Protein backbone atom coordinates (compact mmCIF):
# COMPACT_ATOMS: atom_id res chain seq x y z
CA GLU A 1 -2.78 -9.48 -19.44
CA SER A 2 0.24 -7.18 -19.43
CA ARG A 3 3.83 -8.29 -19.25
CA SER A 4 6.84 -6.81 -17.47
CA PRO A 5 9.28 -4.69 -19.51
CA PRO A 6 12.42 -6.72 -20.25
CA ASN A 7 15.17 -6.63 -17.63
CA LEU A 8 12.98 -4.83 -15.10
CA ILE A 9 11.28 -7.68 -13.24
CA LYS A 10 12.59 -11.18 -13.76
CA SER A 11 10.25 -14.15 -13.82
CA PRO A 12 11.08 -16.75 -11.15
CA ILE A 13 10.98 -20.43 -11.91
CA SER A 14 7.57 -21.83 -10.98
CA ILE A 15 5.12 -24.53 -11.93
CA ARG A 16 2.03 -23.01 -13.54
CA LEU A 17 -1.51 -24.31 -13.73
CA GLN A 18 -4.48 -22.54 -15.25
CA ASN A 19 -5.39 -19.46 -13.20
CA THR A 20 -8.83 -19.76 -11.63
CA LYS A 21 -9.60 -16.06 -11.45
CA PRO A 22 -11.49 -14.31 -14.24
CA ASN A 23 -9.95 -11.49 -16.21
CA GLN A 24 -10.81 -8.03 -14.98
CA GLN A 25 -11.67 -5.29 -17.48
CA SER A 26 -9.41 -2.26 -17.23
CA ALA A 27 -9.22 1.33 -18.31
CA HIS A 28 -5.80 2.99 -18.40
CA ARG A 29 -4.51 6.05 -16.63
CA THR A 30 -1.22 7.13 -15.08
CA ARG A 31 -0.55 9.06 -11.91
CA THR A 32 2.68 9.48 -9.94
CA ILE A 33 2.20 9.94 -6.20
CA PRO A 34 3.62 8.74 -2.85
CA ALA A 35 2.81 5.31 -1.51
CA PRO A 36 -0.44 5.35 0.50
CA SER A 37 -1.00 4.56 4.14
CA LEU A 38 -3.44 1.97 5.45
CA ASP A 39 -5.87 4.68 6.53
CA GLU A 40 -5.79 6.12 3.01
CA ALA A 41 -6.50 2.65 1.67
CA CYS A 42 -9.49 2.42 3.98
CA ARG A 43 -10.82 5.69 2.59
CA GLU A 44 -10.36 4.36 -0.96
CA CYS A 45 -12.33 1.15 -0.56
CA PRO A 46 -15.79 1.76 -2.13
CA ASN A 47 -16.38 -1.20 -4.41
CA ASN A 48 -17.10 0.84 -7.52
CA GLY A 49 -15.06 -0.96 -10.16
CA VAL A 50 -11.81 0.98 -9.77
CA SER A 51 -10.00 1.15 -13.10
CA ILE A 52 -6.59 -0.42 -13.57
CA PRO A 53 -4.00 2.26 -14.37
CA VAL A 54 -0.79 1.89 -16.34
CA LEU A 55 2.06 1.97 -13.86
CA VAL A 56 4.94 4.32 -14.53
CA PRO A 57 8.29 2.61 -15.27
CA THR A 58 9.87 1.06 -12.19
CA MET A 59 13.40 0.36 -11.02
CA PRO A 60 14.74 -3.20 -11.19
CA ARG A 61 14.37 -3.72 -7.42
CA LEU A 62 12.90 -7.21 -7.28
CA GLU A 63 14.95 -10.38 -7.06
CA PRO A 64 13.14 -13.67 -7.69
CA LEU A 65 13.51 -16.18 -4.88
CA ASN A 66 14.18 -19.80 -5.66
CA ILE A 67 11.50 -21.61 -3.69
CA ARG A 68 10.26 -25.17 -3.70
CA LEU A 69 6.98 -26.43 -2.29
CA SER A 70 7.42 -29.52 -0.16
CA ASP A 71 4.99 -32.41 0.20
CA GLU A 72 5.10 -32.04 3.97
CA THR A 73 1.91 -32.64 5.94
CA PRO A 74 0.99 -29.86 8.38
CA GLU A 75 0.38 -30.44 12.06
CA LYS A 76 -3.11 -31.26 13.34
CA ARG A 77 -4.21 -27.73 14.26
CA VAL A 78 -3.17 -26.42 10.84
CA SER A 79 -5.03 -29.21 9.05
CA LYS A 80 -8.10 -28.46 11.17
CA LEU A 81 -7.93 -24.78 10.21
CA ILE A 82 -7.59 -25.61 6.51
CA SER A 83 -10.58 -27.97 6.61
CA ASP A 84 -12.72 -25.51 8.55
CA ALA A 85 -11.86 -22.66 6.18
CA ALA A 86 -12.77 -24.81 3.16
CA VAL A 87 -16.21 -25.57 4.65
CA ARG A 88 -16.83 -21.90 5.44
CA ALA A 89 -15.68 -20.82 1.98
CA ASP A 90 -17.98 -23.34 0.32
CA LYS A 91 -20.96 -21.99 2.26
CA LEU A 92 -20.15 -18.43 1.23
CA GLN A 93 -19.72 -19.45 -2.39
CA GLN A 94 -23.17 -21.06 -2.38
CA LEU A 95 -24.91 -17.79 -1.52
CA THR A 96 -27.20 -16.48 -4.24
CA GLY A 97 -29.13 -13.35 -5.13
CA ASP A 98 -28.51 -10.30 -2.98
CA HIS A 99 -26.50 -12.41 -0.53
CA ARG A 100 -23.96 -13.50 -3.13
CA ILE A 101 -20.38 -12.28 -2.71
CA PRO A 102 -19.12 -11.48 -6.25
CA ALA A 103 -15.97 -13.14 -7.58
CA LEU A 104 -15.20 -14.93 -4.32
CA VAL A 105 -12.19 -17.23 -4.67
CA THR A 106 -9.80 -18.40 -1.99
CA SER A 107 -6.23 -19.60 -1.85
CA ASP A 108 -5.77 -23.36 -1.53
CA GLY A 109 -5.09 -23.77 2.19
CA LEU A 110 -2.56 -26.59 1.93
CA ILE A 111 -0.66 -24.93 -0.93
CA ALA A 112 -0.67 -21.62 0.95
CA TRP A 113 0.77 -23.30 4.05
CA ARG A 114 3.51 -24.94 2.00
CA PHE A 115 4.18 -21.61 0.29
CA LEU A 116 4.66 -19.96 3.69
CA GLN A 117 7.05 -22.73 4.72
CA ALA A 118 9.03 -22.27 1.50
CA ILE A 119 9.82 -18.61 2.13
CA LYS A 120 10.97 -19.09 5.73
CA PRO A 121 14.66 -19.55 4.81
CA HIS A 122 14.58 -16.09 3.22
CA LEU A 123 13.24 -14.26 6.28
CA ARG A 124 15.48 -11.73 7.99
CA THR A 125 13.61 -11.69 11.29
CA ARG A 126 12.12 -14.37 13.53
CA ARG A 127 8.74 -12.61 13.89
CA PRO A 128 8.08 -10.80 10.62
CA SER A 129 5.16 -8.51 9.89
CA PHE A 130 2.83 -10.06 7.32
CA CYS A 131 0.14 -8.41 5.20
CA GLU A 132 -2.34 -10.19 2.95
CA TRP A 133 -3.73 -7.95 0.20
CA GLY A 134 -7.29 -9.08 -0.42
CA SER A 135 -7.50 -11.41 2.57
CA GLY A 136 -10.99 -12.74 1.80
CA LEU A 137 -12.03 -15.42 4.28
CA GLY A 138 -8.64 -15.06 5.97
CA ILE A 139 -7.20 -18.53 5.52
CA VAL A 140 -3.70 -17.34 4.55
CA SER A 141 -3.67 -14.66 7.25
CA CYS A 142 -4.67 -17.28 9.81
CA LEU A 143 -1.95 -19.65 8.61
CA ALA A 144 0.59 -16.83 8.98
CA GLY A 145 -0.77 -16.16 12.45
CA PHE A 146 -0.11 -19.78 13.40
CA GLU A 147 3.55 -19.08 12.55
CA GLY A 148 3.65 -16.44 15.27
CA TRP A 149 3.98 -13.59 12.79
CA THR A 150 2.39 -10.15 13.21
CA VAL A 151 -0.49 -10.37 10.74
CA THR A 152 -2.67 -7.79 9.00
CA GLY A 153 -5.29 -8.61 6.38
CA LEU A 154 -6.77 -6.03 4.00
CA GLU A 155 -10.22 -6.86 2.62
CA ILE A 156 -12.75 -4.62 0.87
CA GLU A 157 -15.86 -6.77 1.41
CA PRO A 158 -17.34 -6.22 4.90
CA ARG A 159 -18.87 -9.70 5.08
CA LEU A 160 -15.50 -11.30 4.40
CA VAL A 161 -13.86 -9.08 7.00
CA GLU A 162 -16.32 -10.42 9.56
CA ALA A 163 -15.91 -14.01 8.31
CA ALA A 164 -12.11 -13.77 8.58
CA ARG A 165 -12.33 -12.43 12.11
CA GLU A 166 -14.69 -15.26 13.06
CA LEU A 167 -12.30 -17.84 11.59
CA ALA A 168 -9.41 -16.38 13.58
CA VAL A 169 -11.40 -16.38 16.82
CA ALA A 170 -12.56 -19.97 16.24
CA HIS A 171 -8.93 -21.10 16.01
CA GLN A 172 -7.55 -18.72 18.64
CA ILE A 173 -5.32 -16.83 16.21
CA ASP A 174 -4.15 -13.30 16.95
CA LEU A 175 -4.33 -11.07 13.88
CA ARG A 176 -5.91 -7.88 12.56
CA ILE A 177 -8.27 -7.71 9.58
CA ARG A 178 -8.99 -4.21 8.26
CA GLU A 179 -11.74 -3.20 5.88
CA ALA A 180 -9.48 -1.63 3.27
CA SER A 181 -8.41 -1.80 -0.35
CA TYR A 182 -4.98 -2.40 -1.85
CA LYS A 183 -6.41 -1.66 -5.31
CA PRO A 184 -4.87 0.89 -7.72
CA GLY A 185 -7.26 3.56 -6.49
CA ALA A 186 -5.59 3.20 -3.10
CA ILE A 187 -2.07 2.67 -4.42
CA TYR A 188 -2.35 5.86 -6.47
CA ASP A 189 -4.20 8.03 -3.98
CA ASN A 190 -2.47 11.45 -4.04
CA THR A 191 -3.44 12.32 -0.47
CA PRO A 192 -0.29 12.85 1.65
CA PRO A 193 0.28 9.84 3.92
CA GLU A 194 -1.41 10.31 7.29
CA ASP A 195 -1.86 7.07 9.16
CA GLY A 196 -2.81 6.63 12.77
CA PHE A 197 -2.34 2.88 12.43
CA GLY A 198 1.39 3.40 12.10
CA VAL A 199 2.19 1.64 8.83
CA GLY A 200 1.42 1.95 5.13
CA ILE A 201 0.27 -0.85 2.86
CA PHE A 202 3.86 -1.56 1.75
CA ASP A 203 5.46 -1.38 5.21
CA PHE A 204 5.63 -5.10 5.95
CA ASP A 205 8.30 -7.78 5.93
CA ILE A 206 6.02 -10.03 3.84
CA ILE A 207 3.23 -9.09 1.42
CA TYR A 208 0.98 -11.85 0.06
CA ILE A 209 -1.56 -11.60 -2.75
CA TYR A 210 -3.76 -13.91 -4.79
CA ALA A 211 -3.53 -11.63 -7.80
CA TRP A 212 -6.16 -11.20 -10.47
CA PRO A 213 -4.60 -11.81 -13.90
CA ALA A 214 -5.22 -8.24 -15.08
CA GLU A 215 -3.51 -6.73 -12.04
CA ARG A 216 -0.67 -9.19 -11.44
CA GLU A 217 2.03 -7.12 -13.14
CA LEU A 218 0.66 -3.86 -11.76
CA VAL A 219 0.86 -4.94 -8.12
CA THR A 220 4.26 -6.52 -8.68
CA LYS A 221 5.63 -3.28 -10.10
CA SER A 222 4.07 -1.31 -7.26
CA VAL A 223 5.94 -3.46 -4.72
CA ALA A 224 9.14 -2.97 -6.73
CA ARG A 225 8.60 0.78 -6.61
CA PHE A 226 7.29 1.33 -3.08
CA GLY A 227 8.37 -1.76 -1.12
CA ARG A 228 10.99 -1.34 1.53
CA PRO A 229 14.30 -3.21 1.14
CA GLY A 230 14.10 -6.81 2.27
CA THR A 231 10.35 -7.16 1.89
CA ILE A 232 9.29 -10.54 0.48
CA PHE A 233 6.46 -10.37 -2.04
CA MET A 234 4.48 -13.62 -2.30
CA ARG A 235 2.37 -13.86 -5.46
CA TYR A 236 -0.09 -16.73 -5.68
CA GLY A 237 -1.68 -17.47 -9.04
CA GLY A 238 -4.00 -20.38 -8.33
CA GLY A 239 -3.25 -24.10 -8.40
CA ILE A 240 0.40 -24.51 -7.41
CA THR A 241 1.61 -21.29 -9.04
CA CYS A 242 3.62 -19.76 -6.21
CA GLU A 243 6.14 -17.01 -6.97
CA ALA A 244 8.20 -15.01 -4.51
CA PHE A 245 10.40 -11.93 -4.90
CA GLN A 246 12.52 -9.88 -2.52
CA VAL A 247 12.86 -6.10 -2.69
CA LEU A 248 16.49 -5.07 -3.11
CA GLU A 249 18.27 -2.06 -1.61
């Protein structure tokens, strides 16, 4: 697991538990290109074990946010969503053989909801745009949708895209889930941005990710480099490890 260069990205105060995601093997390469659009990400989403590149040095553009998770209990409809998502996730995780979805893990629904509540004081708009990188079953995207935010989820696995859409429909949540990848192969695509959807993968007020250990620093640096000023980057690490940063001018 790589670490940030000193004085480039500060580490916010957080409570850490053991990360539940396995390490991902990586091969190193470096490319310098413009930030990709969502359509480019969609074209870069074959699940072929994209290698993890070494990111070029970044500017010190991220400020850690001082957040605190409350012990608040969510309202009934939120609790119902969290319980339903947990049941659906368990069923998907029990699949075997050719039906198995590799490396399927999900954010803890209650912790994710409290994480979303914790960043609200730092929002600059009442109805922010929210993007979940690697949205999986869609629990976090659905929770953000309950907040009235404009939500987009990016997920590479077609079965999870469909499962997330079904979860949203079941709970009458308005959001968009796209079959796309935020992975380095998409981040470092050198195709000029051309996006009929209207936004790129960094063009959101809030970006959320449950980051694999091997890519945590990479995606953080990519937000520091390509994120627009004011964007809040929410980085979940499993357990109650919740870290948030804001992109500076």
